[in-house]
Amino acid sequence: MTTPTPVVRAVTYERDDHRCVSCGTLATITYQHRAAEGMGGRKARPRLAEGLTACALCNAAYEGALQVRALAYGWKVRRFVVEQGLAAQVPVRYALAGWHQLTTDGMRIPISQKAAVELMRAVYGPVWDEWRALA
């Protein structure tokens, strides 16, 4: 797994208020790769829209018990999304702040649920509605 640069990690934590995006805790925060890195991962370091702040418990559950919810809420993205440079187009639902669009310069912009739904459907198509129903 390719680690983020210290600057990307710091900007990510700052953007996310040093809180887990899933549960809102300040405890045991970690850097979360939105795309699964497995089997050695990618060679390129993650960009700002490709990572989030997650607590150790939630981060560990994103590939297990929370996987569908993580995909439905943008905490995780499919690898093709990153490979096609679309990570910034997948919005993120923050536990304490609602839906946001991540920017490539490390900011987040609040968006409506309607806008989030449109963006998710544009990237994933009808499979996103299936994830949402199960989340």
N, C-alpha and C. Protein backbone atom coordinates (compact mmCIF):
# COMPACT_ATOMS: atom_id res chain seq x y z
N MET A 1 0.85 -1.17 0.00
CA MET A 1 0.00 0.00 0.00
C MET A 1 0.90 1.23 0.00
N THR A 2 0.59 2.17 -0.88
CA THR A 2 1.36 3.40 -0.97
C THR A 2 0.83 4.40 0.05
N THR A 3 1.70 4.91 0.87
CA THR A 3 1.27 5.85 1.90
C THR A 3 1.16 7.25 1.32
N PRO A 4 0.29 8.07 1.89
CA PRO A 4 0.20 9.45 1.44
C PRO A 4 1.43 10.23 1.89
N THR A 5 1.70 11.32 1.22
CA THR A 5 2.77 12.19 1.69
C THR A 5 2.35 12.79 3.03
N PRO A 6 3.29 13.26 3.82
CA PRO A 6 2.92 13.91 5.08
C PRO A 6 1.98 15.10 4.87
N VAL A 7 2.15 15.83 3.78
CA VAL A 7 1.28 16.97 3.50
C VAL A 7 -0.14 16.50 3.18
N VAL A 8 -0.29 15.48 2.35
CA VAL A 8 -1.62 14.96 2.02
C VAL A 8 -2.31 14.44 3.27
N ARG A 9 -1.59 13.73 4.11
CA ARG A 9 -2.16 13.21 5.35
C ARG A 9 -2.63 14.38 6.24
N ALA A 10 -1.79 15.39 6.42
CA ALA A 10 -2.13 16.52 7.29
C ALA A 10 -3.32 17.31 6.74
N VAL A 11 -3.34 17.55 5.44
CA VAL A 11 -4.46 18.30 4.83
C VAL A 11 -5.74 17.49 4.93
N THR A 12 -5.66 16.19 4.75
CA THR A 12 -6.84 15.32 4.87
C THR A 12 -7.41 15.39 6.28
N TYR A 13 -6.56 15.25 7.29
CA TYR A 13 -7.03 15.33 8.68
C TYR A 13 -7.65 16.69 8.97
N GLU A 14 -7.03 17.75 8.49
CA GLU A 14 -7.55 19.10 8.71
C GLU A 14 -8.91 19.27 8.02
N ARG A 15 -9.00 18.84 6.77
CA ARG A 15 -10.26 18.95 6.02
C ARG A 15 -11.40 18.22 6.75
N ASP A 16 -11.07 17.09 7.35
CA ASP A 16 -12.07 16.26 8.01
C ASP A 16 -12.21 16.59 9.50
N ASP A 17 -11.66 17.72 9.94
CA ASP A 17 -11.75 18.17 11.33
C ASP A 17 -11.16 17.17 12.32
N HIS A 18 -10.20 16.37 11.86
CA HIS A 18 -9.54 15.37 12.72
C HIS A 18 -10.56 14.40 13.33
N ARG A 19 -11.64 14.14 12.59
CA ARG A 19 -12.71 13.23 13.05
C ARG A 19 -12.92 12.13 12.03
N CYS A 20 -13.36 11.00 12.52
CA CYS A 20 -13.76 9.91 11.63
C CYS A 20 -14.98 10.35 10.84
N VAL A 21 -14.92 10.20 9.53
CA VAL A 21 -16.05 10.61 8.69
C VAL A 21 -17.28 9.73 8.93
N SER A 22 -17.07 8.51 9.39
CA SER A 22 -18.17 7.56 9.58
C SER A 22 -18.91 7.72 10.89
N CYS A 23 -18.16 7.86 11.98
CA CYS A 23 -18.80 7.90 13.30
C CYS A 23 -18.57 9.20 14.05
N GLY A 24 -17.66 10.02 13.56
CA GLY A 24 -17.44 11.33 14.16
C GLY A 24 -16.47 11.37 15.33
N THR A 25 -15.91 10.25 15.73
CA THR A 25 -15.01 10.25 16.88
C THR A 25 -13.70 10.97 16.56
N LEU A 26 -13.08 11.47 17.60
CA LEU A 26 -11.74 12.07 17.51
C LEU A 26 -10.66 11.05 17.86
N ALA A 27 -11.07 9.89 18.37
CA ALA A 27 -10.13 8.88 18.88
C ALA A 27 -9.53 8.04 17.76
N THR A 28 -8.31 7.68 17.92
CA THR A 28 -7.57 6.75 17.05
C THR A 28 -7.79 6.99 15.56
N ILE A 29 -7.64 8.25 15.12
CA ILE A 29 -7.85 8.51 13.70
C ILE A 29 -6.71 7.95 12.86
N THR A 30 -7.07 7.52 11.67
CA THR A 30 -6.12 6.95 10.72
C THR A 30 -6.42 7.54 9.35
N TYR A 31 -5.46 7.40 8.45
CA TYR A 31 -5.67 7.78 7.06
C TYR A 31 -6.35 6.62 6.36
N GLN A 32 -7.44 6.89 5.68
CA GLN A 32 -8.22 5.86 4.98
C GLN A 32 -8.09 6.05 3.48
N HIS A 33 -7.54 5.05 2.78
CA HIS A 33 -7.55 5.05 1.32
C HIS A 33 -8.97 4.76 0.86
N ARG A 34 -9.54 5.60 0.04
CA ARG A 34 -10.91 5.37 -0.41
C ARG A 34 -10.99 4.15 -1.34
N ALA A 35 -9.98 3.90 -2.12
CA ALA A 35 -9.95 2.72 -2.99
C ALA A 35 -9.12 1.64 -2.31
N ALA A 36 -9.59 0.40 -2.36
CA ALA A 36 -8.83 -0.71 -1.79
C ALA A 36 -7.48 -0.79 -2.48
N GLU A 37 -6.45 -0.96 -1.69
CA GLU A 37 -5.09 -0.97 -2.22
C GLU A 37 -4.57 -2.38 -2.43
N GLY A 38 -5.06 -3.35 -1.73
CA GLY A 38 -4.64 -4.75 -1.75
C GLY A 38 -3.60 -5.19 -2.78
N MET A 39 -2.96 -6.26 -2.49
CA MET A 39 -1.97 -6.91 -3.37
C MET A 39 -0.88 -5.93 -3.80
N GLY A 40 -0.38 -5.16 -2.86
CA GLY A 40 0.71 -4.25 -3.17
C GLY A 40 0.26 -2.86 -3.57
N GLY A 41 -1.00 -2.71 -3.93
CA GLY A 41 -1.55 -1.39 -4.23
C GLY A 41 -0.99 -0.76 -5.48
N ARG A 42 -1.23 0.53 -5.58
CA ARG A 42 -0.76 1.30 -6.73
C ARG A 42 0.61 1.88 -6.44
N LYS A 43 1.29 2.29 -7.48
CA LYS A 43 2.60 2.91 -7.32
C LYS A 43 2.46 4.39 -6.95
N ALA A 44 1.40 5.04 -7.45
CA ALA A 44 1.21 6.48 -7.21
C ALA A 44 0.70 6.73 -5.80
N ARG A 45 1.21 7.78 -5.19
CA ARG A 45 0.72 8.17 -3.87
C ARG A 45 -0.69 8.74 -4.00
N PRO A 46 -1.53 8.53 -2.98
CA PRO A 46 -2.90 9.03 -3.06
C PRO A 46 -2.95 10.56 -3.08
N ARG A 47 -3.92 11.06 -3.84
CA ARG A 47 -4.17 12.51 -3.90
C ARG A 47 -5.20 12.86 -2.84
N LEU A 48 -5.44 14.15 -2.67
CA LEU A 48 -6.31 14.63 -1.60
C LEU A 48 -7.72 14.05 -1.65
N ALA A 49 -8.31 13.92 -2.81
CA ALA A 49 -9.67 13.40 -2.92
C ALA A 49 -9.73 11.88 -2.80
N GLU A 50 -8.57 11.24 -2.68
CA GLU A 50 -8.51 9.78 -2.63
C GLU A 50 -8.37 9.24 -1.21
N GLY A 51 -8.42 10.12 -0.21
CA GLY A 51 -8.29 9.67 1.17
C GLY A 51 -9.23 10.39 2.10
N LEU A 52 -9.48 9.77 3.24
CA LEU A 52 -10.35 10.33 4.27
C LEU A 52 -9.75 10.04 5.64
N THR A 53 -10.34 10.65 6.65
CA THR A 53 -9.98 10.36 8.03
C THR A 53 -10.99 9.37 8.58
N ALA A 54 -10.50 8.29 9.15
CA ALA A 54 -11.38 7.28 9.75
C ALA A 54 -10.74 6.80 11.04
N CYS A 55 -11.56 6.46 12.01
CA CYS A 55 -11.00 5.87 13.23
C CYS A 55 -10.56 4.44 12.90
N ALA A 56 -9.73 3.90 13.75
CA ALA A 56 -9.20 2.56 13.50
C ALA A 56 -10.30 1.52 13.38
N LEU A 57 -11.36 1.64 14.20
CA LEU A 57 -12.45 0.65 14.15
C LEU A 57 -13.22 0.72 12.83
N CYS A 58 -13.60 1.92 12.42
CA CYS A 58 -14.36 2.05 11.17
C CYS A 58 -13.49 1.67 9.97
N ASN A 59 -12.24 2.13 9.97
CA ASN A 59 -11.34 1.82 8.86
C ASN A 59 -11.23 0.31 8.67
N ALA A 60 -11.09 -0.42 9.76
CA ALA A 60 -10.98 -1.88 9.68
C ALA A 60 -12.26 -2.52 9.17
N ALA A 61 -13.40 -1.89 9.43
CA ALA A 61 -14.70 -2.47 9.04
C ALA A 61 -15.10 -2.13 7.60
N TYR A 62 -14.41 -1.20 6.96
CA TYR A 62 -14.79 -0.81 5.60
C TYR A 62 -14.69 -1.94 4.58
N GLU A 63 -13.85 -2.89 4.83
CA GLU A 63 -13.73 -4.04 3.92
C GLU A 63 -14.52 -5.23 4.42
N GLY A 64 -15.26 -5.05 5.50
CA GLY A 64 -16.06 -6.13 6.08
C GLY A 64 -17.47 -5.68 6.35
N ALA A 65 -17.82 -5.55 7.62
CA ALA A 65 -19.19 -5.26 8.04
C ALA A 65 -19.74 -3.94 7.50
N LEU A 66 -18.87 -2.96 7.27
CA LEU A 66 -19.34 -1.66 6.78
C LEU A 66 -19.11 -1.46 5.28
N GLN A 67 -18.77 -2.50 4.55
CA GLN A 67 -18.39 -2.32 3.16
C GLN A 67 -19.49 -1.71 2.29
N VAL A 68 -20.68 -2.19 2.38
CA VAL A 68 -21.76 -1.65 1.54
C VAL A 68 -22.06 -0.21 1.93
N ARG A 69 -22.13 0.05 3.22
CA ARG A 69 -22.36 1.43 3.69
C ARG A 69 -21.21 2.34 3.26
N ALA A 70 -19.99 1.83 3.33
CA ALA A 70 -18.82 2.63 2.92
C ALA A 70 -18.90 3.00 1.44
N LEU A 71 -19.34 2.10 0.61
CA LEU A 71 -19.51 2.41 -0.81
C LEU A 71 -20.68 3.37 -1.04
N ALA A 72 -21.79 3.14 -0.34
CA ALA A 72 -22.97 3.99 -0.51
C ALA A 72 -22.72 5.42 -0.06
N TYR A 73 -21.85 5.61 0.94
CA TYR A 73 -21.60 6.95 1.49
C TYR A 73 -20.28 7.57 1.01
N GLY A 74 -19.60 6.92 0.09
CA GLY A 74 -18.39 7.49 -0.48
C GLY A 74 -17.14 7.35 0.37
N TRP A 75 -17.23 6.59 1.46
CA TRP A 75 -16.05 6.38 2.30
C TRP A 75 -15.06 5.48 1.58
N LYS A 76 -15.58 4.62 0.74
CA LYS A 76 -14.77 3.78 -0.14
C LYS A 76 -15.25 4.04 -1.56
N VAL A 77 -14.35 3.86 -2.51
CA VAL A 77 -14.71 3.93 -3.93
C VAL A 77 -14.13 2.71 -4.63
N ARG A 78 -14.74 2.33 -5.68
CA ARG A 78 -14.20 1.22 -6.47
C ARG A 78 -12.88 1.66 -7.12
N ARG A 79 -12.00 0.72 -7.29
CA ARG A 79 -10.68 1.04 -7.83
C ARG A 79 -10.76 1.73 -9.18
N PHE A 80 -11.70 1.35 -10.05
CA PHE A 80 -11.80 1.98 -11.36
C PHE A 80 -12.07 3.48 -11.24
N VAL A 81 -12.71 3.89 -10.16
CA VAL A 81 -13.01 5.31 -9.95
C VAL A 81 -11.70 6.09 -9.82
N VAL A 82 -10.77 5.57 -9.03
CA VAL A 82 -9.47 6.23 -8.86
C VAL A 82 -8.67 6.13 -10.15
N GLU A 83 -8.66 4.95 -10.77
CA GLU A 83 -7.88 4.76 -11.99
C GLU A 83 -8.34 5.69 -13.11
N GLN A 84 -9.64 6.02 -13.13
CA GLN A 84 -10.17 6.92 -14.15
C GLN A 84 -10.17 8.38 -13.70
N GLY A 85 -9.58 8.65 -12.54
CA GLY A 85 -9.48 10.02 -12.04
C GLY A 85 -10.81 10.62 -11.60
N LEU A 86 -11.73 9.76 -11.14
CA LEU A 86 -13.07 10.22 -10.77
C LEU A 86 -13.31 10.32 -9.26
N ALA A 87 -12.29 10.12 -8.45
CA ALA A 87 -12.49 10.11 -6.99
C ALA A 87 -13.12 11.41 -6.49
N ALA A 88 -12.72 12.54 -7.05
CA ALA A 88 -13.28 13.82 -6.60
C ALA A 88 -14.76 13.96 -6.99
N GLN A 89 -15.24 13.13 -7.90
CA GLN A 89 -16.65 13.20 -8.31
C GLN A 89 -17.56 12.38 -7.40
N VAL A 90 -16.98 11.53 -6.55
CA VAL A 90 -17.77 10.72 -5.62
C VAL A 90 -17.88 11.48 -4.30
N PRO A 91 -19.07 11.96 -3.95
CA PRO A 91 -19.22 12.72 -2.72
C PRO A 91 -19.08 11.83 -1.50
N VAL A 92 -18.92 12.47 -0.33
CA VAL A 92 -18.73 11.77 0.93
C VAL A 92 -19.78 12.24 1.91
N ARG A 93 -20.39 11.27 2.60
CA ARG A 93 -21.34 11.61 3.67
C ARG A 93 -20.59 11.60 4.99
N TYR A 94 -20.47 12.78 5.58
CA TYR A 94 -19.82 12.93 6.89
C TYR A 94 -20.87 12.70 7.97
N ALA A 95 -20.51 11.90 8.97
CA ALA A 95 -21.45 11.55 10.04
C ALA A 95 -22.03 12.79 10.73
N LEU A 96 -21.23 13.80 10.94
CA LEU A 96 -21.67 14.98 11.69
C LEU A 96 -21.95 16.19 10.81
N ALA A 97 -21.78 16.05 9.50
CA ALA A 97 -21.90 17.24 8.64
C ALA A 97 -22.64 17.00 7.32
N GLY A 98 -23.15 15.82 7.07
CA GLY A 98 -23.90 15.56 5.84
C GLY A 98 -23.00 15.36 4.62
N TRP A 99 -23.57 15.51 3.46
CA TRP A 99 -22.88 15.24 2.19
C TRP A 99 -21.96 16.39 1.80
N HIS A 100 -20.79 16.02 1.28
CA HIS A 100 -19.81 16.99 0.80
C HIS A 100 -19.15 16.48 -0.47
N GLN A 101 -18.77 17.42 -1.30
CA GLN A 101 -17.95 17.14 -2.48
C GLN A 101 -16.52 17.48 -2.10
N LEU A 102 -15.59 16.57 -2.31
CA LEU A 102 -14.18 16.82 -2.04
C LEU A 102 -13.57 17.51 -3.25
N THR A 103 -12.64 18.40 -2.99
CA THR A 103 -11.96 19.08 -4.09
C THR A 103 -10.54 18.56 -4.20
N THR A 104 -9.95 18.76 -5.35
CA THR A 104 -8.59 18.28 -5.57
C THR A 104 -7.56 19.09 -4.81
N ASP A 105 -7.96 20.25 -4.26
CA ASP A 105 -7.02 21.07 -3.50
C ASP A 105 -7.19 20.91 -1.99
N GLY A 106 -7.95 19.90 -1.56
CA GLY A 106 -8.04 19.58 -0.14
C GLY A 106 -9.18 20.24 0.62
N MET A 107 -10.16 20.74 -0.06
CA MET A 107 -11.31 21.35 0.59
C MET A 107 -12.51 20.40 0.48
N ARG A 108 -13.56 20.73 1.18
CA ARG A 108 -14.82 20.01 1.03
C ARG A 108 -15.92 21.06 0.95
N ILE A 109 -16.88 20.79 0.09
CA ILE A 109 -17.97 21.72 -0.16
C ILE A 109 -19.28 21.02 0.17
N PRO A 110 -20.09 21.59 1.06
CA PRO A 110 -21.38 20.97 1.38
C PRO A 110 -22.27 20.91 0.13
N ILE A 111 -22.95 19.79 -0.03
CA ILE A 111 -23.91 19.64 -1.13
C ILE A 111 -25.19 19.02 -0.58
N SER A 112 -26.24 19.16 -1.32
CA SER A 112 -27.52 18.59 -0.90
C SER A 112 -27.52 17.08 -1.12
N GLN A 113 -28.45 16.41 -0.46
CA GLN A 113 -28.59 14.97 -0.67
C GLN A 113 -28.97 14.69 -2.12
N LYS A 114 -29.82 15.55 -2.68
CA LYS A 114 -30.21 15.37 -4.09
C LYS A 114 -29.00 15.43 -5.01
N ALA A 115 -28.11 16.39 -4.78
CA ALA A 115 -26.90 16.50 -5.59
C ALA A 115 -26.00 15.28 -5.39
N ALA A 116 -25.90 14.80 -4.15
CA ALA A 116 -25.08 13.62 -3.86
C ALA A 116 -25.62 12.40 -4.60
N VAL A 117 -26.93 12.23 -4.59
CA VAL A 117 -27.56 11.10 -5.29
C VAL A 117 -27.24 11.17 -6.78
N GLU A 118 -27.37 12.34 -7.36
CA GLU A 118 -27.09 12.51 -8.79
C GLU A 118 -25.63 12.18 -9.12
N LEU A 119 -24.71 12.64 -8.28
CA LEU A 119 -23.30 12.35 -8.51
C LEU A 119 -23.00 10.86 -8.38
N MET A 120 -23.55 10.23 -7.35
CA MET A 120 -23.32 8.80 -7.15
C MET A 120 -23.87 7.98 -8.32
N ARG A 121 -25.05 8.34 -8.77
CA ARG A 121 -25.63 7.61 -9.91
C ARG A 121 -24.85 7.85 -11.19
N ALA A 122 -24.29 9.04 -11.35
CA ALA A 122 -23.49 9.33 -12.54
C ALA A 122 -22.23 8.47 -12.59
N VAL A 123 -21.63 8.20 -11.43
CA VAL A 123 -20.41 7.40 -11.39
C VAL A 123 -20.71 5.90 -11.40
N TYR A 124 -21.69 5.46 -10.59
CA TYR A 124 -21.93 4.03 -10.38
C TYR A 124 -23.15 3.45 -11.09
N GLY A 125 -24.05 4.30 -11.55
CA GLY A 125 -25.27 3.79 -12.17
C GLY A 125 -26.20 3.17 -11.13
N PRO A 126 -27.06 2.25 -11.55
CA PRO A 126 -28.08 1.70 -10.66
C PRO A 126 -27.53 0.86 -9.50
N VAL A 127 -26.29 0.41 -9.56
CA VAL A 127 -25.74 -0.37 -8.46
C VAL A 127 -25.67 0.48 -7.19
N TRP A 128 -25.50 1.80 -7.34
CA TRP A 128 -25.46 2.65 -6.15
C TRP A 128 -26.79 2.61 -5.41
N ASP A 129 -27.91 2.56 -6.13
CA ASP A 129 -29.22 2.47 -5.47
C ASP A 129 -29.33 1.17 -4.67
N GLU A 130 -28.73 0.10 -5.16
CA GLU A 130 -28.72 -1.17 -4.42
C GLU A 130 -27.92 -1.02 -3.13
N TRP A 131 -26.74 -0.39 -3.21
CA TRP A 131 -25.93 -0.17 -2.01
C TRP A 131 -26.68 0.70 -1.02
N ARG A 132 -27.31 1.73 -1.52
CA ARG A 132 -28.04 2.66 -0.65
C ARG A 132 -29.16 1.95 0.09
N ALA A 133 -29.86 1.08 -0.60
CA ALA A 133 -30.96 0.33 0.02
C ALA A 133 -30.44 -0.60 1.12
N LEU A 134 -29.24 -1.12 0.98
CA LEU A 134 -28.68 -2.04 1.96
C LEU A 134 -27.91 -1.35 3.08
N ALA A 135 -27.58 -0.08 2.88
CA ALA A 135 -26.73 0.65 3.85
C ALA A 135 -27.42 0.95 5.15
